[in-house]
Amino acid sequence: MPVSADAILQDRDGRSVLRFERALRQPPERVWSALVEPSEQRSWHPTPFEFEPAVGGAVTYLAGGDVPEMPSGEVTEYEPPRVLAHTWDDDLLRWEVSPTEEGSLLVLTHTFDDPLKAARDAAGWHVCLDSLAALLAGDRERSPGDWRELNAEYQRRFGISPEQATPPPQG
């Protein structure tokens, strides 16, 4: 099965869903640590967080992220070291880590209501996942993709005009 580094935009029950798949050379336990440890999230996640490790547990977004302050969220799935899903404001983020012969497959799905923010968020997650891969590989020199270029490409790909597209959050 080919693994894409780009977002796929889908519609599920009237909501927009961005889906990313990333092949990583590290085992699932290492990838899981980077997903759930705030000290590691700070180098790649736009809103580092702490959470109560159980379904229904609170998710607290920490100061110092790249987006404005976020309200607390809730864990909706928790199966370490394979699945973590939680609310992210009105959105749902689901992280799934599966073992492969070469390491792991990370699948991120981001479910949301406003289809006009698809390009903005796809570009953002693209950059974040590039940064996560660099963190896991120990590659501090590799820079992530350029958000503006990626945003323009995702707007084109998803058929969202720049005039209609949701702008980046101010934070």
N, C-alpha and C. Protein backbone atom coordinates (compact mmCIF):
# COMPACT_ATOMS: atom_id res chain seq x y z
N MET A 1 0.84 -1.17 0.00
CA MET A 1 0.00 0.00 0.00
C MET A 1 0.89 1.24 0.00
N PRO A 2 0.73 2.14 -0.96
CA PRO A 2 1.54 3.36 -0.97
C PRO A 2 1.14 4.25 0.20
N VAL A 3 2.11 4.96 0.73
CA VAL A 3 1.86 5.85 1.85
C VAL A 3 2.03 7.28 1.37
N SER A 4 1.04 8.11 1.62
CA SER A 4 1.05 9.49 1.16
C SER A 4 1.55 10.42 2.25
N ALA A 5 2.28 11.43 1.86
CA ALA A 5 2.68 12.48 2.79
C ALA A 5 1.68 13.64 2.72
N ASP A 6 0.80 13.61 1.75
CA ASP A 6 -0.15 14.68 1.54
C ASP A 6 -1.50 14.35 2.16
N ALA A 7 -2.27 15.39 2.46
CA ALA A 7 -3.60 15.21 3.01
C ALA A 7 -4.57 14.77 1.92
N ILE A 8 -5.48 13.95 2.33
CA ILE A 8 -6.63 13.57 1.51
C ILE A 8 -7.84 14.17 2.20
N LEU A 9 -8.70 14.87 1.46
CA LEU A 9 -9.90 15.48 2.02
C LEU A 9 -11.09 14.59 1.69
N GLN A 10 -11.83 14.23 2.74
CA GLN A 10 -12.99 13.37 2.58
C GLN A 10 -14.19 14.02 3.25
N ASP A 11 -15.38 13.53 2.93
CA ASP A 11 -16.59 13.95 3.60
C ASP A 11 -17.13 12.73 4.35
N ARG A 12 -17.40 12.92 5.63
CA ARG A 12 -17.94 11.81 6.43
C ARG A 12 -19.11 12.36 7.25
N ASP A 13 -20.28 11.90 6.91
CA ASP A 13 -21.49 12.30 7.63
C ASP A 13 -21.65 13.82 7.68
N GLY A 14 -21.34 14.49 6.56
CA GLY A 14 -21.51 15.93 6.47
C GLY A 14 -20.41 16.75 7.10
N ARG A 15 -19.37 16.09 7.59
CA ARG A 15 -18.22 16.81 8.16
C ARG A 15 -17.01 16.56 7.27
N SER A 16 -16.11 17.51 7.25
CA SER A 16 -14.87 17.37 6.48
C SER A 16 -13.87 16.58 7.30
N VAL A 17 -13.09 15.74 6.61
CA VAL A 17 -12.07 14.94 7.28
C VAL A 17 -10.78 15.01 6.45
N LEU A 18 -9.72 15.51 7.09
CA LEU A 18 -8.39 15.45 6.51
C LEU A 18 -7.74 14.17 7.00
N ARG A 19 -7.08 13.46 6.09
CA ARG A 19 -6.41 12.22 6.47
C ARG A 19 -4.97 12.28 5.96
N PHE A 20 -4.06 12.02 6.86
CA PHE A 20 -2.64 11.92 6.54
C PHE A 20 -2.15 10.53 6.92
N GLU A 21 -1.25 9.99 6.13
CA GLU A 21 -0.54 8.76 6.47
C GLU A 21 0.95 9.05 6.34
N ARG A 22 1.69 8.68 7.38
CA ARG A 22 3.15 8.87 7.36
C ARG A 22 3.83 7.57 7.75
N ALA A 23 4.73 7.11 6.89
CA ALA A 23 5.58 5.97 7.22
C ALA A 23 6.77 6.51 8.00
N LEU A 24 7.01 5.91 9.16
CA LEU A 24 8.10 6.35 10.03
C LEU A 24 8.98 5.15 10.34
N ARG A 25 10.26 5.37 10.51
CA ARG A 25 11.21 4.28 10.74
C ARG A 25 11.27 3.83 12.21
N GLN A 26 10.62 4.55 13.10
CA GLN A 26 10.67 4.24 14.51
C GLN A 26 9.54 3.29 14.90
N PRO A 27 9.74 2.50 15.96
CA PRO A 27 8.69 1.59 16.42
C PRO A 27 7.51 2.36 17.01
N PRO A 28 6.34 1.74 17.08
CA PRO A 28 5.16 2.43 17.59
C PRO A 28 5.35 3.06 18.96
N GLU A 29 6.07 2.41 19.84
CA GLU A 29 6.25 2.97 21.18
C GLU A 29 6.99 4.31 21.15
N ARG A 30 7.95 4.45 20.27
CA ARG A 30 8.69 5.71 20.14
C ARG A 30 7.80 6.80 19.54
N VAL A 31 7.03 6.43 18.52
CA VAL A 31 6.11 7.39 17.90
C VAL A 31 5.07 7.83 18.93
N TRP A 32 4.55 6.89 19.69
CA TRP A 32 3.55 7.18 20.72
C TRP A 32 4.09 8.21 21.71
N SER A 33 5.31 8.01 22.14
CA SER A 33 5.93 8.95 23.09
C SER A 33 5.95 10.36 22.52
N ALA A 34 6.31 10.50 21.27
CA ALA A 34 6.34 11.82 20.64
C ALA A 34 4.94 12.43 20.52
N LEU A 35 3.92 11.57 20.41
CA LEU A 35 2.55 12.06 20.31
C LEU A 35 2.00 12.54 21.64
N VAL A 36 2.39 11.90 22.74
CA VAL A 36 1.73 12.16 24.02
C VAL A 36 2.55 12.94 25.04
N GLU A 37 3.84 13.08 24.83
CA GLU A 37 4.70 13.79 25.80
C GLU A 37 4.79 15.27 25.43
N PRO A 38 4.29 16.16 26.32
CA PRO A 38 4.33 17.59 26.01
C PRO A 38 5.73 18.10 25.68
N SER A 39 6.75 17.58 26.34
CA SER A 39 8.11 18.05 26.05
C SER A 39 8.51 17.75 24.61
N GLU A 40 8.01 16.68 24.04
CA GLU A 40 8.29 16.36 22.64
C GLU A 40 7.32 17.09 21.71
N GLN A 41 6.07 17.24 22.12
CA GLN A 41 5.07 17.92 21.29
C GLN A 41 5.50 19.36 20.98
N ARG A 42 6.18 19.98 21.91
CA ARG A 42 6.55 21.39 21.74
C ARG A 42 7.38 21.64 20.47
N SER A 43 8.05 20.61 19.97
CA SER A 43 8.86 20.81 18.77
C SER A 43 8.09 20.56 17.47
N TRP A 44 6.84 20.10 17.57
CA TRP A 44 6.13 19.82 16.32
C TRP A 44 4.63 20.10 16.36
N HIS A 45 3.98 20.09 17.52
CA HIS A 45 2.51 20.21 17.61
C HIS A 45 2.11 21.67 17.81
N PRO A 46 1.07 22.18 17.10
CA PRO A 46 0.70 23.58 17.25
C PRO A 46 0.11 23.92 18.62
N THR A 47 -0.42 22.91 19.33
CA THR A 47 -1.01 23.13 20.65
C THR A 47 -0.60 21.98 21.56
N PRO A 48 0.59 22.04 22.15
CA PRO A 48 1.01 20.98 23.07
C PRO A 48 -0.04 20.80 24.16
N PHE A 49 -0.16 19.57 24.65
CA PHE A 49 -1.22 19.29 25.60
C PHE A 49 -0.82 18.23 26.61
N GLU A 50 -1.54 18.22 27.72
CA GLU A 50 -1.49 17.15 28.70
C GLU A 50 -2.88 16.56 28.75
N PHE A 51 -2.99 15.30 29.13
CA PHE A 51 -4.32 14.70 29.16
C PHE A 51 -4.41 13.62 30.23
N GLU A 52 -5.64 13.39 30.67
CA GLU A 52 -5.92 12.28 31.56
C GLU A 52 -6.04 11.05 30.69
N PRO A 53 -5.21 10.02 30.92
CA PRO A 53 -5.13 8.87 30.01
C PRO A 53 -6.28 7.87 30.15
N ALA A 54 -7.47 8.33 29.77
CA ALA A 54 -8.66 7.46 29.77
C ALA A 54 -9.73 8.12 28.92
N VAL A 55 -10.61 7.31 28.34
CA VAL A 55 -11.73 7.86 27.60
C VAL A 55 -12.55 8.72 28.56
N GLY A 56 -12.87 9.93 28.12
CA GLY A 56 -13.57 10.88 28.97
C GLY A 56 -12.64 11.80 29.74
N GLY A 57 -11.33 11.51 29.69
CA GLY A 57 -10.36 12.33 30.40
C GLY A 57 -10.23 13.71 29.79
N ALA A 58 -9.83 14.65 30.61
CA ALA A 58 -9.66 16.03 30.16
C ALA A 58 -8.36 16.18 29.38
N VAL A 59 -8.40 17.04 28.38
CA VAL A 59 -7.22 17.43 27.61
C VAL A 59 -7.00 18.92 27.89
N THR A 60 -5.83 19.24 28.38
CA THR A 60 -5.48 20.62 28.70
C THR A 60 -4.42 21.09 27.73
N TYR A 61 -4.73 22.14 26.97
CA TYR A 61 -3.79 22.69 26.00
C TYR A 61 -2.89 23.68 26.72
N LEU A 62 -1.60 23.56 26.49
CA LEU A 62 -0.60 24.32 27.23
C LEU A 62 -0.25 25.62 26.52
N ALA A 63 0.13 26.60 27.30
CA ALA A 63 0.54 27.90 26.75
C ALA A 63 1.80 27.72 25.91
N GLY A 64 1.96 28.58 24.94
CA GLY A 64 3.18 28.57 24.15
C GLY A 64 3.04 27.88 22.81
N GLY A 65 1.85 27.47 22.41
CA GLY A 65 1.65 26.86 21.10
C GLY A 65 1.59 27.91 20.01
N ASP A 66 1.31 27.47 18.80
CA ASP A 66 1.30 28.37 17.63
C ASP A 66 -0.08 28.89 17.28
N VAL A 67 -1.10 28.52 18.04
CA VAL A 67 -2.46 29.00 17.78
C VAL A 67 -2.98 29.64 19.07
N PRO A 68 -4.06 30.42 18.96
CA PRO A 68 -4.59 31.07 20.16
C PRO A 68 -4.95 30.03 21.23
N GLU A 69 -5.17 30.53 22.44
CA GLU A 69 -5.54 29.67 23.56
C GLU A 69 -6.73 28.79 23.18
N MET A 70 -6.65 27.54 23.57
CA MET A 70 -7.69 26.56 23.23
C MET A 70 -8.47 26.17 24.49
N PRO A 71 -9.79 25.97 24.37
CA PRO A 71 -10.54 25.45 25.51
C PRO A 71 -10.13 24.00 25.77
N SER A 72 -10.37 23.53 26.97
CA SER A 72 -10.06 22.13 27.30
C SER A 72 -10.79 21.20 26.36
N GLY A 73 -10.19 20.04 26.13
CA GLY A 73 -10.80 19.03 25.29
C GLY A 73 -11.11 17.77 26.09
N GLU A 74 -11.49 16.73 25.36
CA GLU A 74 -11.83 15.46 25.99
C GLU A 74 -11.26 14.31 25.18
N VAL A 75 -10.71 13.33 25.86
CA VAL A 75 -10.22 12.11 25.22
C VAL A 75 -11.44 11.29 24.80
N THR A 76 -11.50 10.89 23.52
CA THR A 76 -12.63 10.10 23.02
C THR A 76 -12.24 8.66 22.72
N GLU A 77 -10.95 8.40 22.51
CA GLU A 77 -10.41 7.04 22.34
C GLU A 77 -9.03 7.02 22.96
N TYR A 78 -8.71 5.90 23.63
CA TYR A 78 -7.39 5.79 24.24
C TYR A 78 -7.01 4.32 24.32
N GLU A 79 -6.07 3.92 23.46
CA GLU A 79 -5.57 2.55 23.42
C GLU A 79 -4.05 2.61 23.20
N PRO A 80 -3.29 2.90 24.27
CA PRO A 80 -1.83 3.04 24.10
C PRO A 80 -1.18 1.72 23.71
N PRO A 81 -0.19 1.71 22.89
CA PRO A 81 0.40 2.83 22.14
C PRO A 81 -0.11 2.88 20.70
N ARG A 82 -1.41 2.65 20.52
CA ARG A 82 -1.94 2.57 19.15
C ARG A 82 -2.90 3.68 18.76
N VAL A 83 -3.80 4.11 19.66
CA VAL A 83 -4.82 5.08 19.28
C VAL A 83 -5.02 6.12 20.37
N LEU A 84 -5.02 7.39 19.96
CA LEU A 84 -5.41 8.50 20.81
C LEU A 84 -6.30 9.40 19.96
N ALA A 85 -7.51 9.64 20.47
CA ALA A 85 -8.41 10.59 19.81
C ALA A 85 -8.91 11.56 20.87
N HIS A 86 -9.02 12.82 20.46
CA HIS A 86 -9.47 13.84 21.42
C HIS A 86 -10.06 15.02 20.67
N THR A 87 -10.90 15.76 21.38
CA THR A 87 -11.45 16.96 20.80
C THR A 87 -10.38 18.04 20.81
N TRP A 88 -10.49 18.92 19.82
CA TRP A 88 -9.56 20.04 19.63
C TRP A 88 -10.45 21.22 19.27
N ASP A 89 -10.93 21.92 20.30
CA ASP A 89 -12.00 22.90 20.16
C ASP A 89 -13.22 22.14 19.63
N ASP A 90 -13.79 22.54 18.48
CA ASP A 90 -14.96 21.83 17.95
C ASP A 90 -14.57 20.68 17.03
N ASP A 91 -13.29 20.47 16.85
CA ASP A 91 -12.78 19.44 15.93
C ASP A 91 -12.43 18.17 16.69
N LEU A 92 -12.16 17.12 15.93
CA LEU A 92 -11.72 15.85 16.51
C LEU A 92 -10.41 15.45 15.82
N LEU A 93 -9.40 15.17 16.64
CA LEU A 93 -8.12 14.65 16.13
C LEU A 93 -8.03 13.19 16.54
N ARG A 94 -7.65 12.34 15.59
CA ARG A 94 -7.46 10.91 15.88
C ARG A 94 -6.10 10.49 15.33
N TRP A 95 -5.26 9.99 16.24
CA TRP A 95 -3.91 9.54 15.92
C TRP A 95 -3.89 8.03 16.05
N GLU A 96 -3.48 7.34 15.01
CA GLU A 96 -3.39 5.88 15.05
C GLU A 96 -1.99 5.47 14.62
N VAL A 97 -1.36 4.62 15.42
CA VAL A 97 0.01 4.15 15.15
C VAL A 97 -0.05 2.64 14.97
N SER A 98 0.43 2.15 13.84
CA SER A 98 0.45 0.71 13.55
C SER A 98 1.88 0.27 13.26
N PRO A 99 2.26 -0.91 13.74
CA PRO A 99 3.60 -1.41 13.42
C PRO A 99 3.69 -1.82 11.95
N THR A 100 4.86 -1.60 11.37
CA THR A 100 5.17 -2.07 10.02
C THR A 100 6.53 -2.76 10.08
N GLU A 101 6.91 -3.41 9.00
CA GLU A 101 8.23 -4.05 8.95
C GLU A 101 9.35 -3.02 9.10
N GLU A 102 9.13 -1.80 8.59
CA GLU A 102 10.16 -0.76 8.62
C GLU A 102 10.07 0.13 9.86
N GLY A 103 9.02 0.02 10.67
CA GLY A 103 8.85 0.88 11.84
C GLY A 103 7.39 1.05 12.20
N SER A 104 6.79 2.15 11.72
CA SER A 104 5.40 2.46 12.07
C SER A 104 4.70 3.17 10.93
N LEU A 105 3.39 3.08 10.94
CA LEU A 105 2.54 3.90 10.08
C LEU A 105 1.71 4.76 11.01
N LEU A 106 1.82 6.08 10.85
CA LEU A 106 1.03 7.03 11.62
C LEU A 106 -0.08 7.54 10.72
N VAL A 107 -1.31 7.45 11.21
CA VAL A 107 -2.46 7.99 10.48
C VAL A 107 -3.10 9.05 11.37
N LEU A 108 -3.19 10.25 10.85
CA LEU A 108 -3.88 11.35 11.52
C LEU A 108 -5.14 11.65 10.74
N THR A 109 -6.28 11.66 11.43
CA THR A 109 -7.51 12.17 10.83
C THR A 109 -7.96 13.36 11.66
N HIS A 110 -8.33 14.42 10.97
CA HIS A 110 -8.79 15.66 11.59
C HIS A 110 -10.18 15.91 11.03
N THR A 111 -11.19 15.85 11.89
CA THR A 111 -12.59 16.00 11.50
C THR A 111 -13.08 17.36 11.97
N PHE A 112 -13.77 18.09 11.07
CA PHE A 112 -14.20 19.46 11.38
C PHE A 112 -15.39 19.82 10.52
N ASP A 113 -16.05 20.93 10.86
CA ASP A 113 -17.28 21.34 10.16
C ASP A 113 -17.05 22.28 8.99
N ASP A 114 -16.13 23.22 9.09
CA ASP A 114 -15.95 24.28 8.10
C ASP A 114 -15.06 23.80 6.95
N PRO A 115 -15.64 23.43 5.80
CA PRO A 115 -14.81 22.91 4.70
C PRO A 115 -13.84 23.95 4.14
N LEU A 116 -14.07 25.24 4.39
CA LEU A 116 -13.19 26.27 3.86
C LEU A 116 -11.88 26.40 4.63
N LYS A 117 -11.76 25.69 5.76
CA LYS A 117 -10.49 25.69 6.48
C LYS A 117 -9.64 24.47 6.14
N ALA A 118 -10.09 23.66 5.21
CA ALA A 118 -9.39 22.42 4.86
C ALA A 118 -7.96 22.69 4.38
N ALA A 119 -7.77 23.66 3.51
CA ALA A 119 -6.43 23.93 2.98
C ALA A 119 -5.51 24.46 4.07
N ARG A 120 -6.00 25.40 4.86
CA ARG A 120 -5.21 25.97 5.95
C ARG A 120 -4.74 24.87 6.91
N ASP A 121 -5.68 24.03 7.34
CA ASP A 121 -5.33 23.00 8.32
C ASP A 121 -4.49 21.89 7.70
N ALA A 122 -4.74 21.56 6.43
CA ALA A 122 -3.91 20.55 5.77
C ALA A 122 -2.47 21.03 5.68
N ALA A 123 -2.28 22.29 5.32
CA ALA A 123 -0.92 22.84 5.24
C ALA A 123 -0.27 22.83 6.62
N GLY A 124 -1.03 23.20 7.64
CA GLY A 124 -0.50 23.21 9.00
C GLY A 124 -0.08 21.83 9.48
N TRP A 125 -0.96 20.84 9.30
CA TRP A 125 -0.61 19.48 9.71
C TRP A 125 0.53 18.92 8.88
N HIS A 126 0.59 19.28 7.61
CA HIS A 126 1.68 18.83 6.76
C HIS A 126 3.02 19.28 7.35
N VAL A 127 3.10 20.57 7.71
CA VAL A 127 4.31 21.11 8.32
C VAL A 127 4.58 20.43 9.67
N CYS A 128 3.54 20.26 10.47
CA CYS A 128 3.71 19.62 11.79
C CYS A 128 4.21 18.19 11.65
N LEU A 129 3.65 17.44 10.72
CA LEU A 129 4.06 16.05 10.55
C LEU A 129 5.48 15.96 9.98
N ASP A 130 5.87 16.92 9.14
CA ASP A 130 7.26 16.98 8.70
C ASP A 130 8.18 17.21 9.90
N SER A 131 7.77 18.10 10.80
CA SER A 131 8.56 18.38 12.00
C SER A 131 8.61 17.18 12.93
N LEU A 132 7.50 16.46 13.06
CA LEU A 132 7.48 15.24 13.88
C LEU A 132 8.44 14.21 13.31
N ALA A 133 8.41 14.00 12.00
CA ALA A 133 9.31 13.03 11.37
C ALA A 133 10.77 13.42 11.60
N ALA A 134 11.07 14.72 11.53
CA ALA A 134 12.43 15.18 11.77
C ALA A 134 12.83 14.95 13.22
N LEU A 135 11.93 15.22 14.16
CA LEU A 135 12.20 14.96 15.58
C LEU A 135 12.52 13.49 15.79
N LEU A 136 11.69 12.62 15.25
CA LEU A 136 11.87 11.18 15.44
C LEU A 136 13.17 10.69 14.81
N ALA A 137 13.56 11.28 13.69
CA ALA A 137 14.78 10.87 13.00
C ALA A 137 16.03 11.51 13.62
N GLY A 138 15.82 12.43 14.58
CA GLY A 138 16.96 13.12 15.16
C GLY A 138 17.59 14.12 14.21
N ASP A 139 16.82 14.54 13.21
CA ASP A 139 17.32 15.45 12.18
C ASP A 139 16.94 16.88 12.52
N ARG A 140 17.78 17.55 13.25
CA ARG A 140 17.49 18.92 13.69
C ARG A 140 17.75 19.94 12.57
N GLU A 141 18.40 19.52 11.51
CA GLU A 141 18.73 20.43 10.41
C GLU A 141 17.59 20.54 9.39
N ARG A 142 16.78 19.49 9.27
CA ARG A 142 15.73 19.48 8.26
C ARG A 142 14.64 20.47 8.64
N SER A 143 14.29 21.33 7.70
CA SER A 143 13.22 22.28 7.96
C SER A 143 11.94 21.76 7.32
N PRO A 144 10.80 22.03 7.98
CA PRO A 144 9.53 21.57 7.42
C PRO A 144 9.18 22.35 6.17
N GLY A 145 8.15 21.90 5.46
CA GLY A 145 7.70 22.58 4.26
C GLY A 145 7.23 23.99 4.56
N ASP A 146 7.16 24.82 3.55
CA ASP A 146 6.71 26.20 3.69
C ASP A 146 5.18 26.23 3.74
N TRP A 147 4.62 26.72 4.86
CA TRP A 147 3.18 26.70 5.05
C TRP A 147 2.46 27.45 3.94
N ARG A 148 2.96 28.62 3.54
CA ARG A 148 2.25 29.42 2.52
C ARG A 148 2.17 28.67 1.19
N GLU A 149 3.27 28.06 0.78
CA GLU A 149 3.26 27.29 -0.47
C GLU A 149 2.32 26.10 -0.37
N LEU A 150 2.39 25.39 0.76
CA LEU A 150 1.51 24.24 0.95
C LEU A 150 0.04 24.66 0.99
N ASN A 151 -0.25 25.77 1.67
CA ASN A 151 -1.62 26.26 1.74
C ASN A 151 -2.16 26.57 0.35
N ALA A 152 -1.36 27.25 -0.47
CA ALA A 152 -1.79 27.57 -1.84
C ALA A 152 -2.02 26.30 -2.65
N GLU A 153 -1.14 25.31 -2.49
CA GLU A 153 -1.30 24.05 -3.20
C GLU A 153 -2.56 23.30 -2.75
N TYR A 154 -2.79 23.25 -1.44
CA TYR A 154 -4.00 22.59 -0.94
C TYR A 154 -5.26 23.35 -1.35
N GLN A 155 -5.22 24.68 -1.41
CA GLN A 155 -6.37 25.43 -1.90
C GLN A 155 -6.69 25.01 -3.32
N ARG A 156 -5.65 24.93 -4.15
CA ARG A 156 -5.85 24.52 -5.54
C ARG A 156 -6.41 23.10 -5.60
N ARG A 157 -5.79 22.21 -4.88
CA ARG A 157 -6.17 20.80 -4.91
C ARG A 157 -7.60 20.58 -4.40
N PHE A 158 -7.99 21.33 -3.36
CA PHE A 158 -9.32 21.14 -2.76
C PHE A 158 -10.38 22.04 -3.37
N GLY A 159 -9.99 22.90 -4.34
CA GLY A 159 -10.96 23.77 -5.01
C GLY A 159 -11.48 24.89 -4.12
N ILE A 160 -10.61 25.45 -3.28
CA ILE A 160 -10.99 26.54 -2.39
C ILE A 160 -10.28 27.80 -2.88
N SER A 161 -11.05 28.82 -3.22
CA SER A 161 -10.40 30.05 -3.69
C SER A 161 -9.76 30.77 -2.50
N PRO A 162 -8.68 31.49 -2.75
CA PRO A 162 -8.03 32.24 -1.67
C PRO A 162 -8.99 33.22 -0.97
N GLU A 163 -9.94 33.77 -1.72
CA GLU A 163 -10.91 34.71 -1.15
C GLU A 163 -11.87 34.01 -0.17
N GLN A 164 -12.16 32.75 -0.43
CA GLN A 164 -13.08 32.00 0.43
C GLN A 164 -12.39 31.32 1.59
N ALA A 165 -11.12 31.03 1.44
CA ALA A 165 -10.39 30.20 2.42
C ALA A 165 -10.36 30.85 3.80
N THR A 166 -10.48 30.03 4.82
CA THR A 166 -10.37 30.49 6.20
C THR A 166 -8.91 30.90 6.44
N PRO A 167 -8.70 32.12 6.95
CA PRO A 167 -7.32 32.57 7.19
C PRO A 167 -6.71 31.84 8.40
N PRO A 168 -5.39 31.91 8.53
CA PRO A 168 -4.75 31.27 9.69
C PRO A 168 -5.18 31.96 10.97
N PRO A 169 -5.20 31.21 12.09
CA PRO A 169 -5.57 31.84 13.36
C PRO A 169 -4.49 32.84 13.77
N GLN A 170 -4.90 33.86 14.46
CA GLN A 170 -3.97 34.85 14.98
C GLN A 170 -3.60 34.45 16.39
N GLY A 171 -2.32 34.28 16.65
CA GLY A 171 -1.92 33.86 17.98
C GLY A 171 -0.49 34.17 18.24
